[in-house]
Amino acid sequence: MRLSLTQEDLERFFGAAPSKSDADVPWPYNGLTFNFSGDPYQVIFYIMPSYRHVELSIRCANELTYQLTASAVSDLRVLGGPTHDTLEIVISSKDSVFIRLLPSVLVAQQVGGGT
């Protein structure tokens, strides 16, 4: 099963191209690292699309404040908001992690139920 979003979707969300584990390997089979900095936050997002593996770390003033490692995620989606997009990491049919970068970094989780 492939993820719903593309490398271009993530580039738009993070506002930058990723660094790649291997420059000659295409998107689904590569490891990609996206970085976002918005004072005082630093967000690092790593993805291996073919394995549906993601890692997320958020630092505030150089202190690690949030870390996630998730393998075999169900999906990744960029949800359009009225002013800023949100990245949804779908862990399972009932569990998701939501990341917003602007106007300030926000992480929210939905566990064990729908909205």
PDB file of N, CA and C in Angstrom:
ATOM      1  N   MET A   1       0.846  -1.187   0.000  1.00  0.00           N
ATOM      2  CA  MET A   1       0.000   0.000   0.000  1.00  0.00           C
ATOM      3  C   MET A   1       0.887   1.244   0.000  1.00  0.00           C
ATOM      4  N   ARG A   2       0.596   2.155  -0.883  1.00  0.00           N
ATOM      5  CA  ARG A   2       1.352   3.405  -0.974  1.00  0.00           C
ATOM      6  C   ARG A   2       0.676   4.499  -0.158  1.00  0.00           C
ATOM      7  N   LEU A   3       1.480   5.470   0.211  1.00  0.00           N
ATOM      8  CA  LEU A   3       0.962   6.628   0.939  1.00  0.00           C
ATOM      9  C   LEU A   3       0.184   7.538  -0.001  1.00  0.00           C
ATOM     10  N   SER A   4      -0.787   8.259   0.532  1.00  0.00           N
ATOM     11  CA  SER A   4      -1.611   9.161  -0.277  1.00  0.00           C
ATOM     12  C   SER A   4      -0.845  10.374  -0.776  1.00  0.00           C
ATOM     13  N   LEU A   5       0.110  10.854   0.008  1.00  0.00           N
ATOM     14  CA  LEU A   5       0.785  12.077  -0.395  1.00  0.00           C
ATOM     15  C   LEU A   5       2.082  11.779  -1.144  1.00  0.00           C
ATOM     16  N   THR A   6       2.616  12.820  -1.764  1.00  0.00           N
ATOM     17  CA  THR A   6       3.829  12.716  -2.572  1.00  0.00           C
ATOM     18  C   THR A   6       4.956  13.529  -1.931  1.00  0.00           C
ATOM     19  N   GLN A   7       6.127  13.376  -2.485  1.00  0.00           N
ATOM     20  CA  GLN A   7       7.263  14.187  -2.031  1.00  0.00           C
ATOM     21  C   GLN A   7       6.945  15.665  -2.200  1.00  0.00           C
ATOM     22  N   GLU A   8       6.284  16.012  -3.301  1.00  0.00           N
ATOM     23  CA  GLU A   8       5.940  17.413  -3.554  1.00  0.00           C
ATOM     24  C   GLU A   8       4.976  17.952  -2.497  1.00  0.00           C
ATOM     25  N   ASP A   9       4.046  17.125  -2.041  1.00  0.00           N
ATOM     26  CA  ASP A   9       3.138  17.551  -0.967  1.00  0.00           C
ATOM     27  C   ASP A   9       3.922  17.902   0.297  1.00  0.00           C
ATOM     28  N   LEU A  10       4.895  17.066   0.636  1.00  0.00           N
ATOM     29  CA  LEU A  10       5.712  17.331   1.824  1.00  0.00           C
ATOM     30  C   LEU A  10       6.601  18.557   1.626  1.00  0.00           C
ATOM     31  N   GLU A  11       7.121  18.749   0.413  1.00  0.00           N
ATOM     32  CA  GLU A  11       7.933  19.939   0.136  1.00  0.00           C
ATOM     33  C   GLU A  11       7.107  21.202   0.323  1.00  0.00           C
ATOM     34  N   ARG A  12       5.853  21.189  -0.137  1.00  0.00           N
ATOM     35  CA  ARG A  12       4.976  22.357   0.055  1.00  0.00           C
ATOM     36  C   ARG A  12       4.689  22.569   1.541  1.00  0.00           C
ATOM     37  N   PHE A  13       4.422  21.491   2.268  1.00  0.00           N
ATOM     38  CA  PHE A  13       4.108  21.617   3.691  1.00  0.00           C
ATOM     39  C   PHE A  13       5.293  22.173   4.474  1.00  0.00           C
ATOM     40  N   PHE A  14       6.493  21.633   4.236  1.00  0.00           N
ATOM     41  CA  PHE A  14       7.678  22.065   4.983  1.00  0.00           C
ATOM     42  C   PHE A  14       8.341  23.302   4.379  1.00  0.00           C
ATOM     43  N   GLY A  15       7.953  23.676   3.164  1.00  0.00           N
ATOM     44  CA  GLY A  15       8.498  24.878   2.538  1.00  0.00           C
ATOM     45  C   GLY A  15       9.922  24.723   2.047  1.00  0.00           C
ATOM     46  N   ALA A  16      10.363  23.484   1.839  1.00  0.00           N
ATOM     47  CA  ALA A  16      11.737  23.246   1.386  1.00  0.00           C
ATOM     48  C   ALA A  16      11.860  21.823   0.855  1.00  0.00           C
ATOM     49  N   ALA A  17      12.855  21.631   0.013  1.00  0.00           N
ATOM     50  CA  ALA A  17      13.171  20.290  -0.482  1.00  0.00           C
ATOM     51  C   ALA A  17      13.885  19.508   0.620  1.00  0.00           C
ATOM     52  N   PRO A  18      13.752  18.191   0.607  1.00  0.00           N
ATOM     53  CA  PRO A  18      14.394  17.383   1.641  1.00  0.00           C
ATOM     54  C   PRO A  18      15.848  17.080   1.315  1.00  0.00           C
ATOM     55  N   SER A  19      16.576  16.649   2.319  1.00  0.00           N
ATOM     56  CA  SER A  19      17.861  16.011   2.044  1.00  0.00           C
ATOM     57  C   SER A  19      17.541  14.528   1.879  1.00  0.00           C
ATOM     58  N   LYS A  20      18.220  13.902   0.917  1.00  0.00           N
ATOM     59  CA  LYS A  20      17.930  12.506   0.585  1.00  0.00           C
ATOM     60  C   LYS A  20      19.054  11.607   1.061  1.00  0.00           C
ATOM     61  N   SER A  21      18.691  10.412   1.495  1.00  0.00           N
ATOM     62  CA  SER A  21      19.705   9.433   1.884  1.00  0.00           C
ATOM     63  C   SER A  21      20.556   9.036   0.690  1.00  0.00           C
ATOM     64  N   ASP A  22      19.925   8.955  -0.494  1.00  0.00           N
ATOM     65  CA  ASP A  22      20.627   8.587  -1.723  1.00  0.00           C
ATOM     66  C   ASP A  22      20.069   9.437  -2.854  1.00  0.00           C
ATOM     67  N   ALA A  23      20.899  10.285  -3.431  1.00  0.00           N
ATOM     68  CA  ALA A  23      20.452  11.231  -4.458  1.00  0.00           C
ATOM     69  C   ALA A  23      19.887  10.550  -5.697  1.00  0.00           C
ATOM     70  N   ASP A  24      20.281   9.316  -5.977  1.00  0.00           N
ATOM     71  CA  ASP A  24      19.868   8.641  -7.209  1.00  0.00           C
ATOM     72  C   ASP A  24      18.687   7.690  -7.035  1.00  0.00           C
ATOM     73  N   VAL A  25      18.129   7.613  -5.850  1.00  0.00           N
ATOM     74  CA  VAL A  25      17.032   6.680  -5.588  1.00  0.00           C
ATOM     75  C   VAL A  25      15.715   7.449  -5.611  1.00  0.00           C
ATOM     76  N   PRO A  26      14.677   6.935  -6.315  1.00  0.00           N
ATOM     77  CA  PRO A  26      13.400   7.651  -6.391  1.00  0.00           C
ATOM     78  C   PRO A  26      12.654   7.691  -5.052  1.00  0.00           C
ATOM     79  N   TRP A  27      11.705   8.610  -4.968  1.00  0.00           N
ATOM     80  CA  TRP A  27      10.923   8.923  -3.771  1.00  0.00           C
ATOM     81  C   TRP A  27      10.458   7.707  -2.984  1.00  0.00           C
ATOM     82  N   PRO A  28       9.775   6.749  -3.569  1.00  0.00           N
ATOM     83  CA  PRO A  28       9.209   5.708  -2.705  1.00  0.00           C
ATOM     84  C   PRO A  28      10.251   4.861  -1.978  1.00  0.00           C
ATOM     85  N   TYR A  29      11.466   4.801  -2.511  1.00  0.00           N
ATOM     86  CA  TYR A  29      12.479   3.884  -1.983  1.00  0.00           C
ATOM     87  C   TYR A  29      13.605   4.593  -1.244  1.00  0.00           C
ATOM     88  N   ASN A  30      13.489   5.888  -1.096  1.00  0.00           N
ATOM     89  CA  ASN A  30      14.544   6.689  -0.494  1.00  0.00           C
ATOM     90  C   ASN A  30      14.191   7.033   0.951  1.00  0.00           C
ATOM     91  N   GLY A  31      15.156   7.519   1.678  1.00  0.00           N
ATOM     92  CA  GLY A  31      14.922   8.114   2.987  1.00  0.00           C
ATOM     93  C   GLY A  31      15.071   9.616   2.833  1.00  0.00           C
ATOM     94  N   LEU A  32      14.072  10.382   3.278  1.00  0.00           N
ATOM     95  CA  LEU A  32      14.072  11.831   3.095  1.00  0.00           C
ATOM     96  C   LEU A  32      13.940  12.527   4.441  1.00  0.00           C
ATOM     97  N   THR A  33      14.725  13.582   4.631  1.00  0.00           N
ATOM     98  CA  THR A  33      14.667  14.369   5.860  1.00  0.00           C
ATOM     99  C   THR A  33      14.244  15.790   5.521  1.00  0.00           C
ATOM    100  N   PHE A  34      13.153  16.228   6.143  1.00  0.00           N
ATOM    101  CA  PHE A  34      12.651  17.588   5.986  1.00  0.00           C
ATOM    102  C   PHE A  34      12.938  18.350   7.272  1.00  0.00           C
ATOM    103  N   ASN A  35      13.404  19.579   7.122  1.00  0.00           N
ATOM    104  CA  ASN A  35      13.709  20.432   8.274  1.00  0.00           C
ATOM    105  C   ASN A  35      12.880  21.701   8.203  1.00  0.00           C
ATOM    106  N   PHE A  36      12.410  22.135   9.358  1.00  0.00           N
ATOM    107  CA  PHE A  36      11.701  23.403   9.466  1.00  0.00           C
ATOM    108  C   PHE A  36      12.203  24.104  10.716  1.00  0.00           C
ATOM    109  N   SER A  37      12.527  25.366  10.578  1.00  0.00           N
ATOM    110  CA  SER A  37      12.930  26.175  11.729  1.00  0.00           C
ATOM    111  C   SER A  37      12.075  27.422  11.783  1.00  0.00           C
ATOM    112  N   GLY A  38      11.473  27.642  12.910  1.00  0.00           N
ATOM    113  CA  GLY A  38      10.693  28.840  13.184  1.00  0.00           C
ATOM    114  C   GLY A  38      10.912  29.180  14.642  1.00  0.00           C
ATOM    115  N   ASP A  39      11.719  30.185  14.887  1.00  0.00           N
ATOM    116  CA  ASP A  39      12.187  30.525  16.224  1.00  0.00           C
ATOM    117  C   ASP A  39      11.057  30.455  17.247  1.00  0.00           C
ATOM    118  N   PRO A  40      11.197  29.716  18.311  1.00  0.00           N
ATOM    119  CA  PRO A  40      12.362  28.995  18.821  1.00  0.00           C
ATOM    120  C   PRO A  40      12.347  27.501  18.475  1.00  0.00           C
ATOM    121  N   TYR A  41      11.512  27.092  17.489  1.00  0.00           N
ATOM    122  CA  TYR A  41      11.303  25.678  17.202  1.00  0.00           C
ATOM    123  C   TYR A  41      12.171  25.171  16.058  1.00  0.00           C
ATOM    124  N   GLN A  42      12.537  23.895  16.151  1.00  0.00           N
ATOM    125  CA  GLN A  42      13.154  23.178  15.043  1.00  0.00           C
ATOM    126  C   GLN A  42      12.410  21.851  14.913  1.00  0.00           C
ATOM    127  N   VAL A  43      11.927  21.579  13.701  1.00  0.00           N
ATOM    128  CA  VAL A  43      11.194  20.348  13.423  1.00  0.00           C
ATOM    129  C   VAL A  43      12.001  19.541  12.419  1.00  0.00           C
ATOM    130  N   ILE A  44      12.239  18.278  12.730  1.00  0.00           N
ATOM    131  CA  ILE A  44      12.919  17.365  11.812  1.00  0.00           C
ATOM    132  C   ILE A  44      11.973  16.199  11.563  1.00  0.00           C
ATOM    133  N   PHE A  45      11.686  15.966  10.278  1.00  0.00           N
ATOM    134  CA  PHE A  45      10.760  14.908   9.875  1.00  0.00           C
ATOM    135  C   PHE A  45      11.476  14.001   8.890  1.00  0.00           C
ATOM    136  N   TYR A  46      11.573  12.728   9.219  1.00  0.00           N
ATOM    137  CA  TYR A  46      12.240  11.740   8.372  1.00  0.00           C
ATOM    138  C   TYR A  46      11.202  10.726   7.911  1.00  0.00           C
ATOM    139  N   ILE A  47      11.268  10.372   6.617  1.00  0.00           N
ATOM    140  CA  ILE A  47      10.307   9.414   6.073  1.00  0.00           C
ATOM    141  C   ILE A  47      11.004   8.426   5.143  1.00  0.00           C
ATOM    142  N   MET A  48      10.611   7.173   5.257  1.00  0.00           N
ATOM    143  CA  MET A  48      10.973   6.120   4.309  1.00  0.00           C
ATOM    144  C   MET A  48       9.645   5.631   3.727  1.00  0.00           C
ATOM    145  N   PRO A  49       9.209   6.213   2.593  1.00  0.00           N
ATOM    146  CA  PRO A  49       7.860   5.955   2.078  1.00  0.00           C
ATOM    147  C   PRO A  49       7.532   4.481   1.838  1.00  0.00           C
ATOM    148  N   SER A  50       8.449   3.712   1.258  1.00  0.00           N
ATOM    149  CA  SER A  50       8.118   2.319   0.936  1.00  0.00           C
ATOM    150  C   SER A  50       7.877   1.476   2.182  1.00  0.00           C
ATOM    151  N   TYR A  51       8.465   1.860   3.296  1.00  0.00           N
ATOM    152  CA  TYR A  51       8.248   1.149   4.560  1.00  0.00           C
ATOM    153  C   TYR A  51       7.162   1.805   5.407  1.00  0.00           C
ATOM    154  N   ARG A  52       6.655   2.955   4.933  1.00  0.00           N
ATOM    155  CA  ARG A  52       5.678   3.748   5.682  1.00  0.00           C
ATOM    156  C   ARG A  52       6.199   4.023   7.095  1.00  0.00           C
ATOM    157  N   HIS A  53       7.479   4.377   7.153  1.00  0.00           N
ATOM    158  CA  HIS A  53       8.169   4.651   8.416  1.00  0.00           C
ATOM    159  C   HIS A  53       8.417   6.152   8.529  1.00  0.00           C
ATOM    160  N   VAL A  54       8.062   6.736   9.665  1.00  0.00           N
ATOM    161  CA  VAL A  54       8.298   8.160   9.898  1.00  0.00           C
ATOM    162  C   VAL A  54       8.927   8.377  11.269  1.00  0.00           C
ATOM    163  N   GLU A  55       9.723   9.422  11.338  1.00  0.00           N
ATOM    164  CA  GLU A  55      10.302   9.874  12.601  1.00  0.00           C
ATOM    165  C   GLU A  55      10.116  11.382  12.664  1.00  0.00           C
ATOM    166  N   LEU A  56       9.714  11.866  13.812  1.00  0.00           N
ATOM    167  CA  LEU A  56       9.467  13.288  14.012  1.00  0.00           C
ATOM    168  C   LEU A  56      10.115  13.706  15.321  1.00  0.00           C
ATOM    169  N   SER A  57      10.884  14.770  15.273  1.00  0.00           N
ATOM    170  CA  SER A  57      11.401  15.345  16.519  1.00  0.00           C
ATOM    171  C   SER A  57      11.201  16.850  16.471  1.00  0.00           C
ATOM    172  N   ILE A  58      10.811  17.384  17.607  1.00  0.00           N
ATOM    173  CA  ILE A  58      10.574  18.822  17.735  1.00  0.00           C
ATOM    174  C   ILE A  58      11.389  19.319  18.915  1.00  0.00           C
ATOM    175  N   ARG A  59      12.130  20.365  18.663  1.00  0.00           N
ATOM    176  CA  ARG A  59      12.929  21.008  19.711  1.00  0.00           C
ATOM    177  C   ARG A  59      12.429  22.434  19.885  1.00  0.00           C
ATOM    178  N   CYS A  60      12.437  22.875  21.122  1.00  0.00           N
ATOM    179  CA  CYS A  60      12.124  24.262  21.447  1.00  0.00           C
ATOM    180  C   CYS A  60      13.308  24.792  22.229  1.00  0.00           C
ATOM    181  N   ALA A  61      13.933  25.838  21.711  1.00  0.00           N
ATOM    182  CA  ALA A  61      15.128  26.415  22.338  1.00  0.00           C
ATOM    183  C   ALA A  61      16.169  25.323  22.603  1.00  0.00           C
ATOM    184  N   ASN A  62      16.374  24.481  21.606  1.00  0.00           N
ATOM    185  CA  ASN A  62      17.363  23.389  21.631  1.00  0.00           C
ATOM    186  C   ASN A  62      17.049  22.257  22.598  1.00  0.00           C
ATOM    187  N   GLU A  63      15.892  22.266  23.220  1.00  0.00           N
ATOM    188  CA  GLU A  63      15.481  21.174  24.115  1.00  0.00           C
ATOM    189  C   GLU A  63      14.480  20.287  23.380  1.00  0.00           C
ATOM    190  N   LEU A  64      14.700  18.983  23.373  1.00  0.00           N
ATOM    191  CA  LEU A  64      13.770  18.050  22.750  1.00  0.00           C
ATOM    192  C   LEU A  64      12.455  18.072  23.525  1.00  0.00           C
ATOM    193  N   THR A  65      11.360  18.397  22.824  1.00  0.00           N
ATOM    194  CA  THR A  65      10.062  18.477  23.486  1.00  0.00           C
ATOM    195  C   THR A  65       9.085  17.420  22.994  1.00  0.00           C
ATOM    196  N   TYR A  66       9.337  16.854  21.807  1.00  0.00           N
ATOM    197  CA  TYR A  66       8.444  15.814  21.277  1.00  0.00           C
ATOM    198  C   TYR A  66       9.245  14.932  20.348  1.00  0.00           C
ATOM    199  N   GLN A  67       8.998  13.618  20.433  1.00  0.00           N
ATOM    200  CA  GLN A  67       9.660  12.677  19.538  1.00  0.00           C
ATOM    201  C   GLN A  67       8.694  11.544  19.224  1.00  0.00           C
ATOM    202  N   LEU A  68       8.645  11.162  17.946  1.00  0.00           N
ATOM    203  CA  LEU A  68       7.785  10.080  17.494  1.00  0.00           C
ATOM    204  C   LEU A  68       8.567   9.220  16.521  1.00  0.00           C
ATOM    205  N   THR A  69       8.494   7.921  16.691  1.00  0.00           N
ATOM    206  CA  THR A  69       8.991   6.959  15.716  1.00  0.00           C
ATOM    207  C   THR A  69       7.835   6.015  15.444  1.00  0.00           C
ATOM    208  N   ALA A  70       7.414   5.937  14.175  1.00  0.00           N
ATOM    209  CA  ALA A  70       6.261   5.109  13.826  1.00  0.00           C
ATOM    210  C   ALA A  70       6.569   4.312  12.568  1.00  0.00           C
ATOM    211  N   SER A  71       6.413   3.015  12.661  1.00  0.00           N
ATOM    212  CA  SER A  71       6.627   2.129  11.520  1.00  0.00           C
ATOM    213  C   SER A  71       5.292   1.596  11.030  1.00  0.00           C
ATOM    214  N   ALA A  72       5.208   1.374   9.731  1.00  0.00           N
ATOM    215  CA  ALA A  72       3.998   0.847   9.092  1.00  0.00           C
ATOM    216  C   ALA A  72       2.782   1.721   9.372  1.00  0.00           C
ATOM    217  N   VAL A  73       2.955   3.052   9.255  1.00  0.00           N
ATOM    218  CA  VAL A  73       1.816   3.956   9.431  1.00  0.00           C
ATOM    219  C   VAL A  73       0.784   3.673   8.349  1.00  0.00           C
ATOM    220  N   SER A  74      -0.465   3.945   8.649  1.00  0.00           N
ATOM    221  CA  SER A  74      -1.530   3.701   7.678  1.00  0.00           C
ATOM    222  C   SER A  74      -1.461   4.662   6.505  1.00  0.00           C
ATOM    223  N   ASP A  75      -1.198   5.942   6.797  1.00  0.00           N
ATOM    224  CA  ASP A  75      -1.167   6.937   5.723  1.00  0.00           C
ATOM    225  C   ASP A  75      -0.584   8.238   6.254  1.00  0.00           C
ATOM    226  N   LEU A  76      -0.290   9.126   5.337  1.00  0.00           N
ATOM    227  CA  LEU A  76       0.094  10.510   5.621  1.00  0.00           C
ATOM    228  C   LEU A  76      -0.752  11.390   4.726  1.00  0.00           C
ATOM    229  N   ARG A  77      -1.261  12.481   5.286  1.00  0.00           N
ATOM    230  CA  ARG A  77      -2.094  13.402   4.509  1.00  0.00           C
ATOM    231  C   ARG A  77      -1.773  14.830   4.909  1.00  0.00           C
ATOM    232  N   VAL A  78      -1.875  15.724   3.940  1.00  0.00           N
ATOM    233  CA  VAL A  78      -1.815  17.149   4.237  1.00  0.00           C
ATOM    234  C   VAL A  78      -3.247  17.657   4.177  1.00  0.00           C
ATOM    235  N   LEU A  79      -3.708  18.188   5.299  1.00  0.00           N
ATOM    236  CA  LEU A  79      -5.064  18.710   5.406  1.00  0.00           C
ATOM    237  C   LEU A  79      -5.015  20.218   5.249  1.00  0.00           C
ATOM    238  N   GLY A  80      -5.762  20.729   4.291  1.00  0.00           N
ATOM    239  CA  GLY A  80      -5.807  22.166   4.075  1.00  0.00           C
ATOM    240  C   GLY A  80      -6.644  22.835   5.146  1.00  0.00           C
ATOM    241  N   GLY A  81      -6.099  23.872   5.738  1.00  0.00           N
ATOM    242  CA  GLY A  81      -6.828  24.627   6.753  1.00  0.00           C
ATOM    243  C   GLY A  81      -7.190  25.991   6.212  1.00  0.00           C
ATOM    244  N   PRO A  82      -7.973  26.762   6.964  1.00  0.00           N
ATOM    245  CA  PRO A  82      -8.364  28.083   6.487  1.00  0.00           C
ATOM    246  C   PRO A  82      -7.169  29.013   6.293  1.00  0.00           C
ATOM    247  N   THR A  83      -6.138  28.863   7.120  1.00  0.00           N
ATOM    248  CA  THR A  83      -4.960  29.721   6.971  1.00  0.00           C
ATOM    249  C   THR A  83      -3.664  28.933   6.862  1.00  0.00           C
ATOM    250  N   HIS A  84      -3.591  27.747   7.488  1.00  0.00           N
ATOM    251  CA  HIS A  84      -2.355  26.961   7.492  1.00  0.00           C
ATOM    252  C   HIS A  84      -2.683  25.479   7.378  1.00  0.00           C
ATOM    253  N   ASP A  85      -1.853  24.753   6.642  1.00  0.00           N
ATOM    254  CA  ASP A  85      -2.042  23.318   6.464  1.00  0.00           C
ATOM    255  C   ASP A  85      -1.573  22.541   7.687  1.00  0.00           C
ATOM    256  N   THR A  86      -2.093  21.332   7.807  1.00  0.00           N
ATOM    257  CA  THR A  86      -1.733  20.409   8.880  1.00  0.00           C
ATOM    258  C   THR A  86      -1.328  19.084   8.256  1.00  0.00           C
ATOM    259  N   LEU A  87      -0.246  18.504   8.743  1.00  0.00           N
ATOM    260  CA  LEU A  87       0.180  17.176   8.318  1.00  0.00           C
ATOM    261  C   LEU A  87      -0.411  16.166   9.291  1.00  0.00           C
ATOM    262  N   GLU A  88      -1.130  15.184   8.753  1.00  0.00           N
ATOM    263  CA  GLU A  88      -1.694  14.114   9.578  1.00  0.00           C
ATOM    264  C   GLU A  88      -0.901  12.838   9.349  1.00  0.00           C
ATOM    265  N   ILE A  89      -0.383  12.272  10.417  1.00  0.00           N
ATOM    266  CA  ILE A  89       0.247  10.956  10.384  1.00  0.00           C
ATOM    267  C   ILE A  89      -0.801   9.988  10.918  1.00  0.00           C
ATOM    268  N   VAL A  90      -1.346   9.169  10.031  1.00  0.00           N
ATOM    269  CA  VAL A  90      -2.381   8.215  10.421  1.00  0.00           C
ATOM    270  C   VAL A  90      -1.676   6.951  10.909  1.00  0.00           C
ATOM    271  N   ILE A  91      -1.695   6.750  12.208  1.00  0.00           N
ATOM    272  CA  ILE A  91      -1.037   5.592  12.812  1.00  0.00           C
ATOM    273  C   ILE A  91      -1.886   4.336  12.594  1.00  0.00           C
ATOM    274  N   SER A  92      -3.178   4.457  12.821  1.00  0.00           N
ATOM    275  CA  SER A  92      -4.132   3.363  12.625  1.00  0.00           C
ATOM    276  C   SER A  92      -5.490   3.993  12.326  1.00  0.00           C
ATOM    277  N   SER A  93      -6.514   3.169  12.170  1.00  0.00           N
ATOM    278  CA  SER A  93      -7.841   3.709  11.863  1.00  0.00           C
ATOM    279  C   SER A  93      -8.388   4.592  12.983  1.00  0.00           C
ATOM    280  N   LYS A  94      -7.830   4.481  14.192  1.00  0.00           N
ATOM    281  CA  LYS A  94      -8.327   5.274  15.324  1.00  0.00           C
ATOM    282  C   LYS A  94      -7.294   6.211  15.931  1.00  0.00           C
ATOM    283  N   ASP A  95      -6.072   6.185  15.430  1.00  0.00           N
ATOM    284  CA  ASP A  95      -5.000   6.972  16.045  1.00  0.00           C
ATOM    285  C   ASP A  95      -4.268   7.810  15.000  1.00  0.00           C
ATOM    286  N   SER A  96      -4.157   9.104  15.254  1.00  0.00           N
ATOM    287  CA  SER A  96      -3.449  10.018  14.355  1.00  0.00           C
ATOM    288  C   SER A  96      -2.655  11.037  15.159  1.00  0.00           C
ATOM    289  N   VAL A  97      -1.599  11.539  14.532  1.00  0.00           N
ATOM    290  CA  VAL A  97      -0.815  12.646  15.070  1.00  0.00           C
ATOM    291  C   VAL A  97      -0.910  13.770  14.046  1.00  0.00           C
ATOM    292  N   PHE A  98      -1.176  14.982  14.501  1.00  0.00           N
ATOM    293  CA  PHE A  98      -1.332  16.143  13.634  1.00  0.00           C
ATOM    294  C   PHE A  98      -0.218  17.136  13.928  1.00  0.00           C
ATOM    295  N   ILE A  99       0.407  17.659  12.871  1.00  0.00           N
ATOM    296  CA  ILE A  99       1.484  18.633  13.028  1.00  0.00           C
ATOM    297  C   ILE A  99       1.135  19.871  12.216  1.00  0.00           C
ATOM    298  N   ARG A 100       1.202  21.014  12.862  1.00  0.00           N
ATOM    299  CA  ARG A 100       1.064  22.300  12.177  1.00  0.00           C
ATOM    300  C   ARG A 100       2.340  23.080  12.437  1.00  0.00           C
ATOM    301  N   LEU A 101       2.842  23.754  11.416  1.00  0.00           N
ATOM    302  CA  LEU A 101       4.082  24.515  11.548  1.00  0.00           C
ATOM    303  C   LEU A 101       3.852  26.004  11.758  1.00  0.00           C
ATOM    304  N   LEU A 102       2.794  26.538  11.182  1.00  0.00           N
ATOM    305  CA  LEU A 102       2.531  27.974  11.240  1.00  0.00           C
ATOM    306  C   LEU A 102       1.134  28.227  11.773  1.00  0.00           C
ATOM    307  N   PRO A 103       0.869  29.298  12.486  1.00  0.00           N
ATOM    308  CA  PRO A 103       1.777  30.383  12.838  1.00  0.00           C
ATOM    309  C   PRO A 103       2.800  30.003  13.891  1.00  0.00           C
ATOM    310  N   SER A 104       2.551  28.922  14.640  1.00  0.00           N
ATOM    311  CA  SER A 104       3.569  28.375  15.538  1.00  0.00           C
ATOM    312  C   SER A 104       3.427  26.859  15.508  1.00  0.00           C
ATOM    313  N   VAL A 105       4.461  26.175  15.927  1.00  0.00           N
ATOM    314  CA  VAL A 105       4.466  24.715  15.879  1.00  0.00           C
ATOM    315  C   VAL A 105       3.455  24.158  16.883  1.00  0.00           C
ATOM    316  N   LEU A 106       2.656  23.204  16.407  1.00  0.00           N
ATOM    317  CA  LEU A 106       1.656  22.552  17.243  1.00  0.00           C
ATOM    318  C   LEU A 106       1.627  21.070  16.900  1.00  0.00           C
ATOM    319  N   VAL A 107       1.588  20.219  17.920  1.00  0.00           N
ATOM    320  CA  VAL A 107       1.397  18.784  17.748  1.00  0.00           C
ATOM    321  C   VAL A 107       0.165  18.399  18.544  1.00  0.00           C
ATOM    322  N   ALA A 108      -0.742  17.667  17.898  1.00  0.00           N
ATOM    323  CA  ALA A 108      -1.939  17.178  18.572  1.00  0.00           C
ATOM    324  C   ALA A 108      -2.099  15.704  18.229  1.00  0.00           C
ATOM    325  N   GLN A 109      -2.712  14.962  19.133  1.00  0.00           N
ATOM    326  CA  GLN A 109      -2.924  13.542  18.910  1.00  0.00           C
ATOM    327  C   GLN A 109      -4.396  13.204  19.089  1.00  0.00           C
ATOM    328  N   GLN A 110      -4.857  12.276  18.263  1.00  0.00           N
ATOM    329  CA  GLN A 110      -6.190  11.700  18.410  1.00  0.00           C
ATOM    330  C   GLN A 110      -5.965  10.217  18.662  1.00  0.00           C
ATOM    331  N   VAL A 111      -6.438   9.726  19.793  1.00  0.00           N
ATOM    332  CA  VAL A 111      -6.179   8.347  20.178  1.00  0.00           C
ATOM    333  C   VAL A 111      -7.496   7.631  20.454  1.00  0.00           C
ATOM    334  N   GLY A 112      -7.697   6.515  19.775  1.00  0.00           N
ATOM    335  CA  GLY A 112      -8.797   5.622  20.093  1.00  0.00           C
ATOM    336  C   GLY A 112     -10.193   6.089  19.767  1.00  0.00           C
ATOM    337  N   GLY A 113     -10.368   6.969  18.814  1.00  0.00           N
ATOM    338  CA  GLY A 113     -11.724   7.353  18.463  1.00  0.00           C
ATOM    339  C   GLY A 113     -11.769   8.386  17.370  1.00  0.00           C
ATOM    340  N   GLY A 114     -12.938   8.566  16.821  1.00  0.00           N
ATOM    341  CA  GLY A 114     -13.140   9.541  15.763  1.00  0.00           C
ATOM    342  C   GLY A 114     -13.565  10.872  16.322  1.00  0.00           C
ATOM    343  N   THR A 115     -13.757  11.813  15.404  1.00  0.00           N
ATOM    344  CA  THR A 115     -14.188  13.146  15.824  1.00  0.00           C
ATOM    345  C   THR A 115     -15.684  13.281  15.743  1.00  0.00           C
TER     346      THR A 115
END
